[in-house]
Amino acid sequence: MTRAIYVGPWRVDLTVREGIAAPVPASRLARAIGAALDVAADAGRAPSPASIGLILSDDAELADLNETHMGTAGPTDVLSFPVYDRAFPLPPGRRPHLGDIVVSVERATEQAAEGRGGQTGDVAWSAAAELRLLVTHGALHVCGWDHAEPGEEAAMRALERRLLGTREATG
């Protein structure tokens, strides 16, 4: 079942897969996404208002998506699927859908518990903090930020730290 959570001009369409229990309220995850989308809109990377999907899932689904879409075997913590294209304007009054973020709550919880969280993969913090980082990271990807090159990575990581607060984004 999907439910809409409104954060400012943003609608976060939240889907929680059966058997998944997030260690953080959905409203906190939606606010983290909203903050990232505010920055994206200010940077001209996202129209406002808009919607974005957030799917809280498990390792099995992320492994399948990772293999299908990234060509990589095994689970990952977050995948983003941008869909918005400015070349195809919508009728007036329609809210464009930016894309979807799929997060493995199982992987996030494990990474946090084992001290493999944060941007560097060596941060011990709460599963809630890890999930907030992952949804922020996913939202930035939906809006065009990347970390394939060192300069891009530095900019994206700095933005994540700013959005989440220095301590929470780095440990």
N, C-alpha and C. Protein backbone atom coordinates (compact mmCIF):
# COMPACT_ATOMS: atom_id res chain seq x y z
N MET A 1 0.83 -1.18 0.00
CA MET A 1 0.00 0.00 0.00
C MET A 1 0.88 1.25 0.00
N THR A 2 0.50 2.23 -0.75
CA THR A 2 1.25 3.46 -0.85
C THR A 2 0.46 4.58 -0.16
N ARG A 3 1.19 5.41 0.57
CA ARG A 3 0.54 6.58 1.16
C ARG A 3 1.36 7.81 0.83
N ALA A 4 0.66 8.92 0.67
CA ALA A 4 1.31 10.17 0.34
C ALA A 4 1.62 10.95 1.60
N ILE A 5 2.84 11.48 1.67
CA ILE A 5 3.26 12.35 2.76
C ILE A 5 3.68 13.67 2.11
N TYR A 6 3.04 14.75 2.53
CA TYR A 6 3.35 16.06 1.96
C TYR A 6 4.34 16.80 2.85
N VAL A 7 5.41 17.29 2.21
CA VAL A 7 6.44 18.07 2.89
C VAL A 7 6.65 19.31 2.02
N GLY A 8 6.08 20.43 2.44
CA GLY A 8 6.16 21.63 1.62
C GLY A 8 5.54 21.36 0.26
N PRO A 9 6.25 21.72 -0.81
CA PRO A 9 5.68 21.50 -2.15
C PRO A 9 5.84 20.07 -2.67
N TRP A 10 6.39 19.21 -1.83
CA TRP A 10 6.75 17.86 -2.28
C TRP A 10 5.75 16.83 -1.77
N ARG A 11 5.45 15.87 -2.62
CA ARG A 11 4.67 14.71 -2.19
C ARG A 11 5.58 13.50 -2.26
N VAL A 12 5.76 12.84 -1.14
CA VAL A 12 6.56 11.62 -1.08
C VAL A 12 5.57 10.46 -1.03
N ASP A 13 5.58 9.64 -2.07
CA ASP A 13 4.70 8.48 -2.16
C ASP A 13 5.43 7.30 -1.54
N LEU A 14 5.07 6.98 -0.30
CA LEU A 14 5.76 5.95 0.48
C LEU A 14 5.09 4.59 0.32
N THR A 15 5.90 3.61 -0.04
CA THR A 15 5.47 2.21 -0.09
C THR A 15 6.39 1.42 0.83
N VAL A 16 5.80 0.69 1.75
CA VAL A 16 6.57 -0.17 2.65
C VAL A 16 6.20 -1.60 2.31
N ARG A 17 7.18 -2.37 1.88
CA ARG A 17 6.94 -3.76 1.51
C ARG A 17 6.52 -4.57 2.73
N GLU A 18 5.77 -5.62 2.48
CA GLU A 18 5.29 -6.50 3.56
C GLU A 18 6.46 -7.04 4.37
N GLY A 19 6.33 -6.98 5.68
CA GLY A 19 7.35 -7.51 6.58
C GLY A 19 8.46 -6.53 6.91
N ILE A 20 8.43 -5.33 6.34
CA ILE A 20 9.48 -4.34 6.57
C ILE A 20 9.04 -3.38 7.67
N ALA A 21 9.90 -3.18 8.65
CA ALA A 21 9.65 -2.23 9.73
C ALA A 21 10.81 -1.26 9.78
N ALA A 22 10.56 -0.02 9.44
CA ALA A 22 11.62 0.99 9.45
C ALA A 22 11.86 1.46 10.87
N PRO A 23 13.14 1.63 11.25
CA PRO A 23 13.48 2.08 12.61
C PRO A 23 13.38 3.59 12.79
N VAL A 24 12.71 4.25 11.88
CA VAL A 24 12.55 5.71 11.92
C VAL A 24 11.17 6.04 11.36
N PRO A 25 10.48 7.02 11.93
CA PRO A 25 9.17 7.37 11.39
C PRO A 25 9.25 7.81 9.93
N ALA A 26 8.26 7.43 9.17
CA ALA A 26 8.20 7.79 7.76
C ALA A 26 8.27 9.31 7.57
N SER A 27 7.69 10.05 8.50
CA SER A 27 7.69 11.51 8.39
C SER A 27 9.11 12.07 8.41
N ARG A 28 10.02 11.46 9.18
CA ARG A 28 11.43 11.91 9.21
C ARG A 28 12.11 11.63 7.89
N LEU A 29 11.83 10.47 7.31
CA LEU A 29 12.41 10.15 6.00
C LEU A 29 11.88 11.11 4.94
N ALA A 30 10.59 11.41 4.99
CA ALA A 30 10.00 12.34 4.03
C ALA A 30 10.61 13.73 4.18
N ARG A 31 10.85 14.17 5.43
CA ARG A 31 11.47 15.48 5.63
C ARG A 31 12.90 15.51 5.08
N ALA A 32 13.64 14.41 5.23
CA ALA A 32 14.99 14.35 4.68
C ALA A 32 14.95 14.46 3.15
N ILE A 33 14.01 13.76 2.54
CA ILE A 33 13.85 13.85 1.08
C ILE A 33 13.43 15.27 0.69
N GLY A 34 12.49 15.84 1.43
CA GLY A 34 12.04 17.21 1.14
C GLY A 34 13.17 18.21 1.19
N ALA A 35 14.06 18.08 2.16
CA ALA A 35 15.21 18.99 2.26
C ALA A 35 16.11 18.86 1.03
N ALA A 36 16.34 17.62 0.59
CA ALA A 36 17.16 17.41 -0.61
C ALA A 36 16.47 18.00 -1.84
N LEU A 37 15.15 17.85 -1.93
CA LEU A 37 14.43 18.40 -3.08
C LEU A 37 14.39 19.92 -3.05
N ASP A 38 14.35 20.52 -1.86
CA ASP A 38 14.43 21.98 -1.77
C ASP A 38 15.73 22.48 -2.39
N VAL A 39 16.84 21.81 -2.06
CA VAL A 39 18.15 22.18 -2.61
C VAL A 39 18.16 21.96 -4.12
N ALA A 40 17.58 20.85 -4.57
CA ALA A 40 17.53 20.56 -6.00
C ALA A 40 16.73 21.61 -6.75
N ALA A 41 15.61 22.02 -6.19
CA ALA A 41 14.79 23.06 -6.84
C ALA A 41 15.55 24.37 -6.91
N ASP A 42 16.22 24.75 -5.81
CA ASP A 42 17.01 25.98 -5.79
C ASP A 42 18.13 25.95 -6.82
N ALA A 43 18.66 24.75 -7.08
CA ALA A 43 19.75 24.59 -8.06
C ALA A 43 19.23 24.39 -9.48
N GLY A 44 17.92 24.44 -9.67
CA GLY A 44 17.34 24.25 -11.00
C GLY A 44 17.34 22.80 -11.46
N ARG A 45 17.47 21.86 -10.53
CA ARG A 45 17.52 20.44 -10.88
C ARG A 45 16.19 19.73 -10.68
N ALA A 46 15.19 20.42 -10.14
CA ALA A 46 13.88 19.80 -9.91
C ALA A 46 12.80 20.87 -9.97
N PRO A 47 11.69 20.57 -10.63
CA PRO A 47 10.56 21.51 -10.61
C PRO A 47 9.85 21.43 -9.26
N SER A 48 9.18 22.49 -8.91
CA SER A 48 8.43 22.51 -7.65
C SER A 48 7.05 23.07 -7.95
N PRO A 49 6.01 22.39 -7.51
CA PRO A 49 5.95 21.16 -6.73
C PRO A 49 6.19 19.93 -7.60
N ALA A 50 6.46 18.81 -6.94
CA ALA A 50 6.67 17.54 -7.64
C ALA A 50 6.46 16.40 -6.65
N SER A 51 6.45 15.19 -7.20
CA SER A 51 6.35 14.00 -6.34
C SER A 51 7.57 13.12 -6.55
N ILE A 52 7.81 12.28 -5.56
CA ILE A 52 8.91 11.32 -5.62
C ILE A 52 8.45 10.08 -4.87
N GLY A 53 8.85 8.92 -5.33
CA GLY A 53 8.48 7.67 -4.66
C GLY A 53 9.59 7.20 -3.74
N LEU A 54 9.20 6.63 -2.60
CA LEU A 54 10.14 6.00 -1.68
C LEU A 54 9.60 4.62 -1.36
N ILE A 55 10.38 3.61 -1.68
CA ILE A 55 10.01 2.23 -1.41
C ILE A 55 10.98 1.66 -0.39
N LEU A 56 10.45 1.25 0.75
CA LEU A 56 11.26 0.62 1.79
C LEU A 56 11.13 -0.88 1.60
N SER A 57 12.24 -1.54 1.34
CA SER A 57 12.24 -2.94 0.95
C SER A 57 13.31 -3.72 1.71
N ASP A 58 13.75 -4.84 1.07
CA ASP A 58 14.73 -5.72 1.70
C ASP A 58 15.85 -6.05 0.72
N ASP A 59 16.83 -6.82 1.20
CA ASP A 59 17.98 -7.18 0.37
C ASP A 59 17.58 -7.95 -0.88
N ALA A 60 16.60 -8.84 -0.78
CA ALA A 60 16.22 -9.66 -1.94
C ALA A 60 15.75 -8.79 -3.10
N GLU A 61 14.89 -7.81 -2.82
CA GLU A 61 14.41 -6.94 -3.89
C GLU A 61 15.54 -6.07 -4.44
N LEU A 62 16.37 -5.53 -3.55
CA LEU A 62 17.48 -4.69 -4.02
C LEU A 62 18.49 -5.49 -4.82
N ALA A 63 18.72 -6.76 -4.46
CA ALA A 63 19.62 -7.60 -5.24
C ALA A 63 19.07 -7.81 -6.64
N ASP A 64 17.78 -8.05 -6.74
CA ASP A 64 17.14 -8.23 -8.05
C ASP A 64 17.23 -6.95 -8.88
N LEU A 65 16.91 -5.83 -8.28
CA LEU A 65 16.98 -4.55 -9.00
C LEU A 65 18.42 -4.21 -9.37
N ASN A 66 19.36 -4.49 -8.48
CA ASN A 66 20.77 -4.21 -8.74
C ASN A 66 21.27 -5.01 -9.95
N GLU A 67 20.89 -6.28 -10.01
CA GLU A 67 21.29 -7.13 -11.14
C GLU A 67 20.63 -6.65 -12.44
N THR A 68 19.34 -6.38 -12.38
CA THR A 68 18.58 -5.99 -13.57
C THR A 68 19.01 -4.64 -14.12
N HIS A 69 19.19 -3.65 -13.25
CA HIS A 69 19.41 -2.28 -13.72
C HIS A 69 20.86 -1.82 -13.68
N MET A 70 21.67 -2.43 -12.82
CA MET A 70 23.06 -1.99 -12.70
C MET A 70 24.05 -3.05 -13.17
N GLY A 71 23.56 -4.27 -13.42
CA GLY A 71 24.43 -5.35 -13.86
C GLY A 71 25.37 -5.85 -12.78
N THR A 72 25.00 -5.62 -11.52
CA THR A 72 25.85 -6.00 -10.39
C THR A 72 25.12 -7.03 -9.54
N ALA A 73 25.79 -8.14 -9.24
CA ALA A 73 25.18 -9.18 -8.42
C ALA A 73 25.18 -8.77 -6.95
N GLY A 74 24.14 -9.15 -6.26
CA GLY A 74 24.05 -8.92 -4.82
C GLY A 74 23.27 -7.67 -4.47
N PRO A 75 22.92 -7.58 -3.20
CA PRO A 75 22.12 -6.43 -2.76
C PRO A 75 22.97 -5.17 -2.63
N THR A 76 22.31 -4.06 -2.63
CA THR A 76 22.91 -2.77 -2.34
C THR A 76 21.97 -2.05 -1.40
N ASP A 77 22.40 -0.93 -0.86
CA ASP A 77 21.56 -0.26 0.14
C ASP A 77 20.50 0.64 -0.46
N VAL A 78 20.79 1.32 -1.56
CA VAL A 78 19.82 2.24 -2.16
C VAL A 78 20.03 2.30 -3.67
N LEU A 79 18.92 2.37 -4.38
CA LEU A 79 18.95 2.59 -5.83
C LEU A 79 17.96 3.70 -6.15
N SER A 80 18.31 4.51 -7.13
CA SER A 80 17.45 5.62 -7.55
C SER A 80 17.11 5.46 -9.01
N PHE A 81 15.86 5.81 -9.32
CA PHE A 81 15.36 5.69 -10.69
C PHE A 81 14.74 7.02 -11.11
N PRO A 82 15.55 7.94 -11.65
CA PRO A 82 14.99 9.21 -12.11
C PRO A 82 14.13 9.00 -13.34
N VAL A 83 13.02 9.73 -13.43
CA VAL A 83 12.14 9.61 -14.59
C VAL A 83 11.73 10.95 -15.19
N TYR A 84 11.91 12.03 -14.46
CA TYR A 84 11.45 13.33 -14.93
C TYR A 84 12.27 13.80 -16.11
N ASP A 85 11.60 14.31 -17.13
CA ASP A 85 12.25 14.84 -18.32
C ASP A 85 11.58 16.16 -18.68
N ARG A 86 12.34 17.25 -18.58
CA ARG A 86 11.79 18.58 -18.88
C ARG A 86 11.31 18.69 -20.33
N ALA A 87 11.77 17.82 -21.20
CA ALA A 87 11.39 17.89 -22.61
C ALA A 87 9.92 17.52 -22.82
N PHE A 88 9.31 16.90 -21.82
CA PHE A 88 7.92 16.48 -21.95
C PHE A 88 7.08 17.17 -20.88
N PRO A 89 6.67 18.41 -21.14
CA PRO A 89 5.91 19.15 -20.13
C PRO A 89 4.54 18.51 -19.89
N LEU A 90 4.07 18.67 -18.68
CA LEU A 90 2.76 18.15 -18.30
C LEU A 90 1.69 19.22 -18.49
N PRO A 91 0.44 18.81 -18.55
CA PRO A 91 -0.64 19.80 -18.61
C PRO A 91 -0.62 20.68 -17.37
N PRO A 92 -1.14 21.89 -17.45
CA PRO A 92 -1.16 22.78 -16.29
C PRO A 92 -1.84 22.12 -15.09
N GLY A 93 -1.27 22.39 -13.92
CA GLY A 93 -1.84 21.86 -12.70
C GLY A 93 -1.42 20.45 -12.34
N ARG A 94 -0.63 19.82 -13.18
CA ARG A 94 -0.17 18.45 -12.90
C ARG A 94 1.16 18.50 -12.17
N ARG A 95 1.33 17.62 -11.20
CA ARG A 95 2.56 17.53 -10.40
C ARG A 95 3.47 16.50 -11.08
N PRO A 96 4.64 16.90 -11.57
CA PRO A 96 5.53 15.92 -12.20
C PRO A 96 6.10 14.95 -11.16
N HIS A 97 6.33 13.73 -11.61
CA HIS A 97 6.95 12.70 -10.76
C HIS A 97 8.43 12.67 -11.12
N LEU A 98 9.28 12.89 -10.11
CA LEU A 98 10.73 12.97 -10.35
C LEU A 98 11.38 11.61 -10.53
N GLY A 99 10.87 10.61 -9.82
CA GLY A 99 11.45 9.28 -9.89
C GLY A 99 11.20 8.54 -8.59
N ASP A 100 11.93 7.45 -8.41
CA ASP A 100 11.73 6.59 -7.26
C ASP A 100 13.05 6.25 -6.60
N ILE A 101 12.99 6.10 -5.28
CA ILE A 101 14.13 5.67 -4.46
C ILE A 101 13.71 4.35 -3.82
N VAL A 102 14.56 3.34 -3.93
CA VAL A 102 14.29 2.05 -3.29
C VAL A 102 15.42 1.79 -2.31
N VAL A 103 15.06 1.55 -1.05
CA VAL A 103 16.05 1.37 0.02
C VAL A 103 15.85 0.01 0.66
N SER A 104 16.94 -0.69 0.89
CA SER A 104 16.90 -1.93 1.67
C SER A 104 17.05 -1.56 3.14
N VAL A 105 15.94 -1.65 3.88
CA VAL A 105 15.98 -1.39 5.31
C VAL A 105 16.87 -2.43 5.98
N GLU A 106 16.82 -3.65 5.46
CA GLU A 106 17.66 -4.74 5.99
C GLU A 106 19.14 -4.38 5.88
N ARG A 107 19.57 -3.92 4.71
CA ARG A 107 20.97 -3.56 4.49
C ARG A 107 21.36 -2.35 5.34
N ALA A 108 20.49 -1.34 5.40
CA ALA A 108 20.79 -0.14 6.19
C ALA A 108 20.96 -0.50 7.66
N THR A 109 20.09 -1.34 8.17
CA THR A 109 20.16 -1.74 9.58
C THR A 109 21.44 -2.51 9.85
N GLU A 110 21.79 -3.42 8.94
CA GLU A 110 23.01 -4.20 9.10
C GLU A 110 24.25 -3.32 9.02
N GLN A 111 24.29 -2.42 8.05
CA GLN A 111 25.44 -1.52 7.92
C GLN A 111 25.63 -0.69 9.18
N ALA A 112 24.54 -0.17 9.72
CA ALA A 112 24.63 0.64 10.93
C ALA A 112 25.11 -0.19 12.11
N ALA A 113 24.55 -1.38 12.28
CA ALA A 113 24.89 -2.24 13.42
C ALA A 113 26.35 -2.70 13.37
N GLU A 114 26.86 -2.92 12.17
CA GLU A 114 28.23 -3.41 12.01
C GLU A 114 29.26 -2.30 11.87
N GLY A 115 28.82 -1.04 11.98
CA GLY A 115 29.76 0.07 11.85
C GLY A 115 30.23 0.29 10.44
N ARG A 116 29.39 -0.08 9.46
CA ARG A 116 29.73 0.11 8.05
C ARG A 116 28.84 1.16 7.41
N GLY A 117 28.37 2.12 8.20
CA GLY A 117 27.46 3.13 7.69
C GLY A 117 28.16 4.39 7.27
N GLY A 118 27.35 5.39 6.98
CA GLY A 118 27.88 6.70 6.59
C GLY A 118 28.44 6.70 5.20
N GLN A 119 28.95 7.83 4.82
CA GLN A 119 29.50 8.00 3.47
C GLN A 119 30.77 7.19 3.26
N THR A 120 31.50 6.97 4.34
CA THR A 120 32.79 6.30 4.22
C THR A 120 32.72 4.80 4.45
N GLY A 121 31.57 4.30 4.91
CA GLY A 121 31.43 2.87 5.15
C GLY A 121 32.11 2.40 6.42
N ASP A 122 32.46 3.33 7.29
CA ASP A 122 33.12 2.94 8.54
C ASP A 122 32.55 3.69 9.74
N VAL A 123 31.26 4.03 9.66
CA VAL A 123 30.62 4.80 10.72
C VAL A 123 29.65 3.91 11.48
N ALA A 124 29.79 3.91 12.80
CA ALA A 124 28.84 3.20 13.66
C ALA A 124 27.83 4.23 14.16
N TRP A 125 26.59 4.08 13.76
CA TRP A 125 25.53 4.98 14.20
C TRP A 125 24.22 4.24 14.13
N SER A 126 23.14 4.90 14.37
CA SER A 126 21.83 4.25 14.41
C SER A 126 21.35 3.89 13.01
N ALA A 127 20.48 2.90 12.96
CA ALA A 127 19.85 2.54 11.69
C ALA A 127 19.00 3.70 11.17
N ALA A 128 18.41 4.46 12.07
CA ALA A 128 17.62 5.62 11.65
C ALA A 128 18.50 6.64 10.92
N ALA A 129 19.70 6.90 11.45
CA ALA A 129 20.62 7.84 10.80
C ALA A 129 21.06 7.31 9.44
N GLU A 130 21.31 6.02 9.36
CA GLU A 130 21.71 5.42 8.08
C GLU A 130 20.60 5.54 7.05
N LEU A 131 19.37 5.28 7.46
CA LEU A 131 18.24 5.40 6.53
C LEU A 131 18.06 6.84 6.06
N ARG A 132 18.22 7.80 6.95
CA ARG A 132 18.10 9.20 6.54
C ARG A 132 19.17 9.55 5.51
N LEU A 133 20.40 9.06 5.73
CA LEU A 133 21.45 9.30 4.75
C LEU A 133 21.10 8.67 3.41
N LEU A 134 20.62 7.43 3.44
CA LEU A 134 20.32 6.73 2.20
C LEU A 134 19.19 7.38 1.41
N VAL A 135 18.13 7.85 2.08
CA VAL A 135 17.05 8.49 1.32
C VAL A 135 17.49 9.85 0.79
N THR A 136 18.34 10.55 1.55
CA THR A 136 18.89 11.82 1.06
C THR A 136 19.76 11.57 -0.16
N HIS A 137 20.63 10.57 -0.07
CA HIS A 137 21.50 10.18 -1.17
C HIS A 137 20.68 9.82 -2.41
N GLY A 138 19.65 9.02 -2.20
CA GLY A 138 18.78 8.62 -3.31
C GLY A 138 18.08 9.79 -3.96
N ALA A 139 17.57 10.72 -3.14
CA ALA A 139 16.88 11.89 -3.69
C ALA A 139 17.84 12.75 -4.52
N LEU A 140 19.06 12.90 -4.05
CA LEU A 140 20.05 13.67 -4.82
C LEU A 140 20.35 13.00 -6.15
N HIS A 141 20.45 11.68 -6.15
CA HIS A 141 20.65 10.95 -7.42
C HIS A 141 19.47 11.18 -8.37
N VAL A 142 18.25 11.10 -7.86
CA VAL A 142 17.08 11.33 -8.71
C VAL A 142 17.16 12.69 -9.39
N CYS A 143 17.74 13.66 -8.69
CA CYS A 143 17.83 15.03 -9.21
C CYS A 143 19.13 15.32 -9.96
N GLY A 144 19.91 14.29 -10.24
CA GLY A 144 21.05 14.45 -11.12
C GLY A 144 22.42 14.52 -10.50
N TRP A 145 22.53 14.52 -9.17
CA TRP A 145 23.85 14.48 -8.57
C TRP A 145 24.41 13.07 -8.69
N ASP A 146 25.73 12.96 -8.76
CA ASP A 146 26.37 11.66 -8.89
C ASP A 146 27.71 11.70 -8.15
N HIS A 147 28.34 10.53 -8.08
CA HIS A 147 29.64 10.45 -7.40
C HIS A 147 30.59 9.53 -8.15
N ALA A 148 30.45 9.49 -9.48
CA ALA A 148 31.32 8.64 -10.29
C ALA A 148 32.74 9.21 -10.39
N GLU A 149 32.86 10.51 -10.39
CA GLU A 149 34.16 11.17 -10.49
C GLU A 149 34.50 11.81 -9.14
N PRO A 150 35.78 11.94 -8.81
CA PRO A 150 36.16 12.50 -7.50
C PRO A 150 35.55 13.88 -7.20
N GLY A 151 35.51 14.76 -8.16
CA GLY A 151 34.94 16.09 -7.94
C GLY A 151 33.45 16.03 -7.67
N GLU A 152 32.76 15.18 -8.44
CA GLU A 152 31.32 14.99 -8.23
C GLU A 152 31.07 14.41 -6.84
N GLU A 153 31.88 13.43 -6.47
CA GLU A 153 31.70 12.79 -5.17
C GLU A 153 31.89 13.78 -4.04
N ALA A 154 32.92 14.59 -4.13
CA ALA A 154 33.17 15.57 -3.07
C ALA A 154 31.99 16.53 -2.93
N ALA A 155 31.46 16.98 -4.07
CA ALA A 155 30.32 17.91 -4.03
C ALA A 155 29.07 17.23 -3.46
N MET A 156 28.81 16.01 -3.89
CA MET A 156 27.62 15.31 -3.40
C MET A 156 27.73 15.00 -1.91
N ARG A 157 28.88 14.55 -1.48
CA ARG A 157 29.08 14.24 -0.05
C ARG A 157 28.97 15.49 0.81
N ALA A 158 29.51 16.59 0.33
CA ALA A 158 29.40 17.85 1.08
C ALA A 158 27.94 18.28 1.20
N LEU A 159 27.20 18.11 0.13
CA LEU A 159 25.78 18.44 0.15
C LEU A 159 25.02 17.54 1.13
N GLU A 160 25.33 16.26 1.14
CA GLU A 160 24.70 15.34 2.10
C GLU A 160 25.00 15.77 3.53
N ARG A 161 26.27 16.11 3.80
CA ARG A 161 26.64 16.56 5.15
C ARG A 161 25.86 17.81 5.54
N ARG A 162 25.74 18.73 4.60
CA ARG A 162 25.00 19.97 4.88
C ARG A 162 23.52 19.65 5.17
N LEU A 163 22.94 18.80 4.38
CA LEU A 163 21.52 18.49 4.55
C LEU A 163 21.22 17.73 5.84
N LEU A 164 22.12 16.84 6.23
CA LEU A 164 21.86 16.02 7.40
C LEU A 164 22.51 16.54 8.67
N GLY A 165 23.37 17.51 8.54
CA GLY A 165 24.14 17.98 9.70
C GLY A 165 25.44 17.20 9.73
N THR A 166 26.51 17.88 9.99
CA THR A 166 27.85 17.29 9.90
C THR A 166 27.98 15.99 10.69
N ARG A 167 27.53 15.98 11.94
CA ARG A 167 27.72 14.79 12.76
C ARG A 167 26.97 13.59 12.19
N GLU A 168 25.72 13.79 11.80
CA GLU A 168 24.92 12.66 11.36
C GLU A 168 25.39 12.11 10.01
N ALA A 169 25.94 12.92 9.15
CA ALA A 169 26.36 12.44 7.85
C ALA A 169 27.76 11.85 7.85
N THR A 170 28.52 12.09 8.89
CA THR A 170 29.88 11.58 8.89
C THR A 170 30.20 10.72 10.10
N GLY A 171 29.29 10.66 11.03
CA GLY A 171 29.51 9.83 12.21
C GLY A 171 29.81 10.68 13.37
